[in-house]
N, C-alpha and C. Protein backbone atom coordinates (compact mmCIF):
# COMPACT_ATOMS: atom_id res chain seq x y z
N UNK A 1 97.09 16.17 55.05
CA UNK A 1 98.14 15.39 54.88
C UNK A 1 99.49 15.77 55.66
N UNK A 2 99.53 16.82 56.05
CA UNK A 2 100.41 16.76 56.96
C UNK A 2 100.06 16.51 58.38
N UNK A 3 99.16 16.26 58.53
CA UNK A 3 99.13 15.56 59.94
C UNK A 3 99.17 14.67 60.01
N UNK A 4 98.74 13.63 58.80
CA UNK A 4 99.22 12.25 58.59
C UNK A 4 100.80 12.01 58.26
N UNK A 5 101.53 12.80 58.23
CA UNK A 5 103.07 12.98 58.01
C UNK A 5 103.44 13.37 59.32
N UNK A 6 103.05 14.02 60.17
CA UNK A 6 103.80 13.87 61.55
C UNK A 6 103.01 13.17 62.55
N UNK A 7 102.47 12.53 61.74
CA UNK A 7 101.72 10.92 63.50
C UNK A 7 103.18 9.80 62.99
N UNK A 8 103.27 10.20 61.72
CA UNK A 8 104.59 8.91 61.76
C UNK A 8 106.04 9.05 62.35
N UNK A 9 105.80 7.79 62.93
CA UNK A 9 107.84 8.02 63.77
C UNK A 9 108.40 8.34 62.71
N UNK A 10 109.43 9.33 63.43
CA UNK A 10 110.95 9.83 62.88
C UNK A 10 111.25 8.99 61.44
N UNK A 11 111.99 8.54 61.96
CA UNK A 11 112.84 7.01 60.87
C UNK A 11 111.38 7.33 59.65
N UNK A 12 110.14 6.90 59.76
CA UNK A 12 109.53 6.94 58.66
C UNK A 12 108.82 8.44 58.29
N UNK A 13 109.55 9.35 58.94
CA UNK A 13 109.23 10.34 58.11
C UNK A 13 110.68 11.11 57.32
N UNK A 14 111.69 11.05 57.48
CA UNK A 14 112.77 10.80 57.19
C UNK A 14 113.29 9.97 55.84
N UNK A 15 112.71 8.85 56.15
CA UNK A 15 112.67 7.89 54.65
C UNK A 15 111.97 8.78 53.50
N UNK A 16 110.69 9.13 53.83
CA UNK A 16 109.72 9.39 53.03
C UNK A 16 109.99 10.24 52.56
N UNK A 17 110.84 11.11 53.34
CA UNK A 17 111.05 12.67 52.78
C UNK A 17 112.38 12.83 51.97
N UNK A 18 113.52 11.73 51.87
CA UNK A 18 114.05 11.25 51.04
C UNK A 18 113.89 10.63 50.10
N UNK A 19 112.57 9.48 49.92
CA UNK A 19 111.64 9.10 48.77
C UNK A 19 111.02 10.16 47.69
N UNK A 20 111.15 11.56 48.60
CA UNK A 20 110.29 12.72 47.85
C UNK A 20 111.18 13.12 46.91
N UNK A 21 112.67 12.85 47.35
CA UNK A 21 113.79 13.67 46.88
C UNK A 21 114.40 12.92 45.54
N UNK A 22 114.51 12.02 46.01
CA UNK A 22 115.02 11.01 44.96
C UNK A 22 113.43 10.65 43.57
N UNK A 23 112.36 10.84 44.16
CA UNK A 23 111.55 9.94 42.65
C UNK A 23 111.69 11.67 42.05
N UNK A 24 112.13 12.93 42.74
CA UNK A 24 111.72 14.39 42.24
C UNK A 24 113.06 14.05 40.95
N UNK A 25 114.18 14.17 41.99
CA UNK A 25 115.41 13.71 41.04
C UNK A 25 115.13 13.13 39.62
N UNK A 26 114.73 11.58 39.88
CA UNK A 26 115.18 10.65 38.98
C UNK A 26 113.55 11.54 38.09
N UNK A 27 112.80 11.96 38.17
CA UNK A 27 111.78 12.70 37.53
C UNK A 27 112.40 13.47 36.59
N UNK A 28 112.81 14.83 36.94
CA UNK A 28 113.60 15.58 36.50
C UNK A 28 114.74 15.18 35.26
N UNK A 29 115.43 14.00 36.27
CA UNK A 29 116.57 13.42 35.61
C UNK A 29 116.64 12.93 34.07
N UNK A 30 114.57 12.39 34.51
CA UNK A 30 114.21 11.60 33.19
C UNK A 30 113.71 12.43 31.46
N UNK A 31 114.04 13.76 32.39
CA UNK A 31 113.38 15.06 31.43
C UNK A 31 114.18 15.56 31.12
N UNK A 32 115.44 16.22 31.58
CA UNK A 32 116.33 16.67 31.34
C UNK A 32 117.31 16.29 30.91
N UNK A 33 117.76 14.97 30.82
CA UNK A 33 119.24 14.02 30.51
C UNK A 33 119.03 13.19 29.51
N UNK A 34 119.94 12.94 28.91
CA UNK A 34 120.19 11.32 28.32
C UNK A 34 120.77 10.42 29.07
N UNK A 35 119.51 9.28 29.37
CA UNK A 35 119.34 7.95 30.09
C UNK A 35 120.76 7.92 30.70
N UNK A 36 121.97 7.45 29.78
CA UNK A 36 123.58 7.36 30.25
C UNK A 36 124.12 8.48 31.39
N UNK A 37 123.35 9.58 30.73
CA UNK A 37 124.28 10.36 32.48
C UNK A 37 123.24 10.65 33.43
N UNK A 38 121.85 10.29 33.41
CA UNK A 38 121.25 9.71 34.40
C UNK A 38 121.75 8.61 35.04
N UNK A 39 122.09 7.61 34.26
CA UNK A 39 122.49 6.45 34.96
C UNK A 39 123.68 6.59 36.13
N UNK A 40 124.82 7.51 35.29
CA UNK A 40 125.97 6.88 35.86
C UNK A 40 125.79 8.34 37.02
N UNK A 41 125.71 9.48 36.85
CA UNK A 41 125.29 10.04 38.56
C UNK A 41 124.43 9.33 38.96
N UNK A 42 123.65 8.68 39.26
CA UNK A 42 122.95 7.72 39.82
C UNK A 42 123.91 6.44 40.54
N UNK A 43 124.49 6.05 39.71
CA UNK A 43 125.78 5.67 39.90
C UNK A 43 126.84 5.24 41.06
N UNK A 44 126.96 6.95 40.89
CA UNK A 44 128.26 7.34 41.47
C UNK A 44 127.51 7.93 43.01
N UNK A 45 126.56 8.43 42.86
CA UNK A 45 126.32 8.46 44.53
C UNK A 45 125.48 7.28 45.36
N UNK A 46 125.27 5.96 44.74
CA UNK A 46 125.26 4.84 45.03
C UNK A 46 126.60 4.56 45.55
N UNK A 47 127.37 4.45 44.93
CA UNK A 47 129.25 4.09 45.56
C UNK A 47 129.92 4.94 46.79
N UNK A 48 128.86 6.44 46.98
CA UNK A 48 129.49 7.22 47.46
C UNK A 48 129.07 7.44 48.90
N UNK A 49 127.82 6.65 49.50
CA UNK A 49 127.68 6.06 50.63
C UNK A 49 126.58 5.87 50.95
N UNK A 50 125.66 5.18 51.91
CA UNK A 50 125.44 4.23 52.28
C UNK A 50 124.22 5.00 53.25
N UNK A 51 122.47 4.77 53.01
CA UNK A 51 121.27 4.30 54.13
C UNK A 51 121.59 4.06 55.08
N UNK A 52 120.73 4.00 55.55
CA UNK A 52 120.45 2.89 56.74
C UNK A 52 119.94 2.28 56.40
N UNK A 53 119.82 1.12 56.65
CA UNK A 53 119.19 -0.26 56.00
C UNK A 53 117.85 -0.27 56.10
N UNK A 54 117.12 -0.44 55.12
CA UNK A 54 115.58 -0.11 55.40
C UNK A 54 115.05 -1.47 55.01
N UNK A 55 113.81 -2.09 55.05
CA UNK A 55 113.32 -3.52 54.85
C UNK A 55 112.71 -2.96 53.35
N UNK A 56 112.74 -4.44 52.49
CA UNK A 56 111.93 -3.78 51.15
C UNK A 56 110.80 -3.12 51.10
N UNK A 57 110.24 -4.04 52.15
CA UNK A 57 108.77 -3.01 52.55
C UNK A 57 108.38 -1.53 52.51
N UNK A 58 109.48 -1.04 53.50
CA UNK A 58 109.30 0.28 53.81
C UNK A 58 110.24 1.21 52.66
N UNK A 59 110.73 0.92 51.75
CA UNK A 59 110.94 1.33 50.78
C UNK A 59 110.00 1.15 50.16
N UNK A 60 109.13 0.21 49.74
CA UNK A 60 108.12 0.22 48.57
C UNK A 60 106.99 1.50 49.16
N UNK A 61 106.97 1.35 50.10
CA UNK A 61 105.48 2.16 50.88
C UNK A 61 106.19 3.76 50.50
N UNK A 62 107.49 4.43 51.19
CA UNK A 62 108.41 5.18 50.88
C UNK A 62 108.05 5.73 49.47
N UNK A 63 108.40 5.16 48.20
CA UNK A 63 108.52 5.57 46.76
C UNK A 63 106.98 5.14 46.71
N UNK A 64 106.04 4.43 46.92
CA UNK A 64 104.56 4.88 46.25
C UNK A 64 104.39 6.09 46.84
N UNK A 65 104.46 6.53 48.05
CA UNK A 65 104.17 8.03 48.90
C UNK A 65 104.31 8.76 47.99
N UNK A 66 105.94 8.86 47.89
CA UNK A 66 106.16 10.05 47.52
C UNK A 66 105.75 10.05 46.15
N UNK A 67 105.65 8.94 45.34
CA UNK A 67 105.14 9.34 43.78
C UNK A 67 103.82 9.33 43.73
N UNK A 68 103.03 9.30 44.56
CA UNK A 68 101.73 10.55 44.47
C UNK A 68 101.60 11.55 44.58
N UNK A 69 102.25 11.76 44.54
CA UNK A 69 102.56 13.46 45.08
C UNK A 69 103.17 14.06 44.22
N UNK A 70 103.95 13.42 43.28
CA UNK A 70 104.95 13.78 42.28
C UNK A 70 104.57 13.71 41.10
N UNK A 71 104.32 14.88 40.26
CA UNK A 71 103.36 14.63 39.02
C UNK A 71 104.54 14.47 37.98
N UNK A 72 103.67 13.24 36.82
CA UNK A 72 104.54 12.35 36.44
C UNK A 72 105.45 11.19 36.11
N UNK A 73 105.33 10.73 37.83
CA UNK A 73 106.05 9.64 38.36
C UNK A 73 105.80 8.59 37.45
N UNK A 74 106.11 8.12 36.26
CA UNK A 74 105.78 7.32 35.71
C UNK A 74 106.43 5.44 36.39
N UNK A 75 106.29 4.46 36.34
CA UNK A 75 106.60 3.29 36.16
C UNK A 75 108.04 3.09 35.72
N UNK A 76 108.65 4.34 35.09
CA UNK A 76 110.22 4.23 35.05
C UNK A 76 110.60 4.93 36.10
N UNK A 77 110.04 5.98 36.56
CA UNK A 77 110.32 7.25 37.40
C UNK A 77 110.54 6.08 38.76
N UNK A 78 109.39 5.75 38.84
CA UNK A 78 108.94 4.69 40.27
C UNK A 78 110.24 3.78 40.33
N UNK A 79 110.26 3.04 38.86
CA UNK A 79 111.56 1.96 39.33
C UNK A 79 112.78 2.30 39.84
N UNK A 80 113.45 3.62 38.61
CA UNK A 80 114.45 3.59 38.96
C UNK A 80 114.56 4.14 40.61
N UNK A 81 113.87 5.13 40.87
CA UNK A 81 113.81 5.31 42.50
C UNK A 81 114.26 4.30 43.59
N UNK A 82 113.41 3.56 43.19
CA UNK A 82 113.19 2.46 44.10
C UNK A 82 114.81 1.67 43.71
N UNK A 83 114.94 1.45 42.59
CA UNK A 83 116.54 1.25 42.70
C UNK A 83 117.43 1.27 43.31
N UNK A 84 117.59 2.89 42.72
CA UNK A 84 118.76 2.98 44.03
C UNK A 84 118.60 3.63 45.99
N UNK A 85 117.51 3.81 46.13
CA UNK A 85 116.64 3.88 47.58
C UNK A 85 117.69 1.71 47.98
N UNK A 86 117.07 1.13 47.29
CA UNK A 86 117.03 -0.37 47.28
C UNK A 86 119.19 -0.28 47.57
N UNK A 87 119.05 0.15 46.64
CA UNK A 87 121.07 -0.28 45.86
C UNK A 87 121.66 0.71 47.22
N UNK A 88 121.27 1.96 47.65
CA UNK A 88 121.96 2.54 49.11
C UNK A 88 121.36 1.72 49.93
N UNK A 89 120.54 1.23 50.28
CA UNK A 89 120.46 0.45 51.61
C UNK A 89 120.78 -1.07 51.74
N UNK A 90 121.34 -1.39 50.63
CA UNK A 90 122.82 -2.57 50.46
C UNK A 90 121.64 -3.81 49.69
N UNK A 91 120.62 -3.00 49.22
CA UNK A 91 119.37 -4.33 48.95
C UNK A 91 119.95 -4.89 47.15
N UNK A 92 120.02 -5.96 46.77
CA UNK A 92 120.37 -6.38 45.64
C UNK A 92 118.65 -6.37 44.53
N UNK A 93 118.77 -5.81 43.75
CA UNK A 93 117.80 -6.12 42.89
C UNK A 93 118.06 -5.32 41.14
N UNK A 94 116.91 -5.40 40.30
CA UNK A 94 117.13 -5.52 38.99
C UNK A 94 115.80 -5.11 38.09
N UNK A 95 115.89 -3.99 37.53
CA UNK A 95 114.99 -3.16 36.78
C UNK A 95 114.05 -4.37 35.53
N UNK A 96 113.13 -4.45 35.11
CA UNK A 96 112.93 -5.01 34.21
C UNK A 96 111.97 -3.82 33.38
N UNK A 97 112.17 -3.96 31.95
CA UNK A 97 111.53 -3.55 31.10
C UNK A 97 110.66 -4.03 30.15
N UNK A 98 109.18 -4.35 30.11
CA UNK A 98 108.43 -5.07 29.33
C UNK A 98 107.43 -4.39 28.24
N UNK A 99 106.94 -5.26 27.36
CA UNK A 99 106.04 -4.64 26.66
C UNK A 99 104.71 -5.64 26.25
N UNK A 100 103.42 -4.55 25.91
CA UNK A 100 102.40 -5.69 25.53
C UNK A 100 101.50 -4.91 24.71
N UNK A 101 100.61 -5.94 23.94
CA UNK A 101 99.49 -4.98 23.34
C UNK A 101 98.37 -4.86 23.72
N UNK A 102 97.95 -3.50 23.62
CA UNK A 102 96.76 -3.43 24.44
C UNK A 102 95.34 -3.98 23.58
N UNK A 103 94.46 -4.36 23.87
CA UNK A 103 93.23 -4.65 23.68
C UNK A 103 92.87 -4.32 22.15
N UNK A 104 93.08 -3.10 22.33
CA UNK A 104 92.73 -1.60 20.94
C UNK A 104 94.14 -1.47 19.92
N UNK A 105 95.12 -2.87 20.23
CA UNK A 105 96.06 -2.81 19.70
C UNK A 105 97.37 -1.98 19.79
N UNK A 106 97.33 -1.07 20.84
CA UNK A 106 98.37 -0.03 21.00
C UNK A 106 99.36 -0.74 21.94
N UNK A 107 100.50 0.06 21.74
CA UNK A 107 101.74 -0.67 22.08
C UNK A 107 102.00 0.21 23.67
N UNK A 108 102.36 -0.77 24.60
CA UNK A 108 102.21 -0.41 26.19
C UNK A 108 103.50 -0.80 26.47
N UNK A 109 104.46 -0.14 27.63
CA UNK A 109 105.31 -0.92 28.35
C UNK A 109 105.39 -0.14 29.62
N UNK A 110 106.02 -0.96 30.47
CA UNK A 110 105.75 -1.13 31.70
C UNK A 110 107.36 -1.53 32.47
N UNK A 111 107.74 -1.05 33.16
CA UNK A 111 109.26 -1.20 34.14
C UNK A 111 108.88 -1.26 35.19
N UNK A 112 109.48 -2.51 35.88
CA UNK A 112 108.97 -3.04 37.48
C UNK A 112 110.52 -3.27 37.75
N UNK A 113 110.56 -3.59 39.38
CA UNK A 113 111.71 -4.00 39.87
C UNK A 113 111.42 -5.33 40.32
N UNK A 114 112.79 -6.05 40.76
CA UNK A 114 112.96 -6.99 41.43
C UNK A 114 113.68 -7.26 42.40
N UNK A 115 113.33 -8.05 43.77
CA UNK A 115 114.39 -7.92 44.47
C UNK A 115 114.74 -9.63 45.16
N UNK A 116 115.24 -10.44 45.00
CA UNK A 116 115.56 -11.57 45.73
C UNK A 116 114.04 -12.23 45.04
N UNK A 117 113.84 -12.50 43.98
CA UNK A 117 112.63 -13.04 43.17
C UNK A 117 111.44 -12.40 43.28
N UNK A 118 111.37 -11.46 44.15
CA UNK A 118 110.13 -10.83 44.79
C UNK A 118 110.01 -9.54 44.00
N UNK A 119 109.21 -9.72 43.11
CA UNK A 119 108.08 -8.09 42.34
C UNK A 119 107.78 -7.03 43.04
N UNK A 120 108.09 -6.64 42.93
CA UNK A 120 108.13 -5.12 43.98
C UNK A 120 107.31 -3.48 43.09
N UNK A 121 106.57 -2.97 43.85
CA UNK A 121 105.85 -1.83 43.51
C UNK A 121 104.39 -2.39 42.44
N UNK A 122 104.71 -3.69 41.98
CA UNK A 122 103.30 -4.51 41.54
C UNK A 122 103.39 -5.54 41.83
N UNK A 123 101.88 -6.40 41.12
CA UNK A 123 101.56 -8.05 41.70
C UNK A 123 102.25 -8.51 40.46
N UNK A 124 102.59 -9.46 40.54
CA UNK A 124 103.04 -10.68 39.82
C UNK A 124 101.94 -10.99 38.27
N UNK A 125 100.76 -10.38 38.93
CA UNK A 125 100.14 -10.69 37.66
C UNK A 125 99.95 -9.48 37.03
N UNK A 126 100.25 -7.98 37.43
CA UNK A 126 100.52 -6.84 36.60
C UNK A 126 101.37 -7.24 35.72
N UNK A 127 102.74 -7.57 36.32
CA UNK A 127 103.59 -7.94 34.85
C UNK A 127 103.51 -9.25 33.72
N UNK A 128 102.58 -9.99 34.17
CA UNK A 128 102.74 -11.22 33.48
C UNK A 128 101.93 -10.94 32.30
N UNK A 129 101.78 -9.75 32.13
CA UNK A 129 101.07 -9.41 30.65
C UNK A 129 102.13 -8.86 29.96
N UNK A 130 102.90 -8.89 30.50
CA UNK A 130 104.28 -7.87 29.64
C UNK A 130 105.08 -8.83 29.17
N UNK A 131 105.32 -9.07 28.10
CA UNK A 131 106.85 -9.41 27.69
C UNK A 131 108.17 -9.05 27.78
N UNK A 132 109.29 -9.43 28.77
CA UNK A 132 110.14 -8.72 29.00
C UNK A 132 111.20 -8.43 27.85
N UNK A 133 111.46 -7.39 27.86
CA UNK A 133 112.17 -6.68 26.39
C UNK A 133 114.11 -7.01 26.82
N UNK A 134 113.90 -6.05 28.40
CA UNK A 134 115.35 -6.01 28.76
C UNK A 134 115.61 -6.07 30.76
N UNK A 135 116.38 -6.03 31.28
CA UNK A 135 116.48 -6.52 32.19
C UNK A 135 117.86 -5.99 32.92
N UNK A 136 118.07 -5.43 33.75
CA UNK A 136 119.28 -4.77 34.12
C UNK A 136 119.49 -4.57 35.33
N UNK A 137 120.82 -4.88 35.94
CA UNK A 137 121.45 -4.36 36.93
C UNK A 137 122.15 -2.99 36.69
N UNK A 138 121.81 -2.43 37.91
CA UNK A 138 122.64 -1.00 37.97
C UNK A 138 123.22 -0.64 39.49
N UNK A 139 124.12 0.39 39.27
CA UNK A 139 124.03 0.96 41.06
C UNK A 139 124.67 -0.16 41.49
N UNK A 140 125.96 -0.64 41.07
CA UNK A 140 126.76 -1.70 41.70
C UNK A 140 127.29 -1.66 43.00
N UNK A 141 126.82 -2.67 43.82
CA UNK A 141 126.93 -2.52 45.56
C UNK A 141 128.68 -2.64 45.78
């Protein structure tokens, strides 16, 4: 794992470290804070400064790679982290929350991110099975 990390160019390593930090903080925030408090803290951080601009694909890669190494990095954790990193890089995005009923009748929920009409972190087929309950734009730019 470390060999793979060190073989990447320096900008990718920095982005991955940033993503690990953001995913970790969002995960901890979702466990420890009311959602409104976490939202206000993330919004304040977005307004305070900007990161260097990264492409959508770079940011998605970084959040996926970071989330694979952080326990319980749920779809909501990943969506909030990606949404935050997108805002810090100047990309507009929207978080969506949807629900579905599984074959066994159990209730399922899912969070995903869209930017300029493109679904990120998931395929369109994956999110098509969910009925959208709500969507929002946070972290105003």
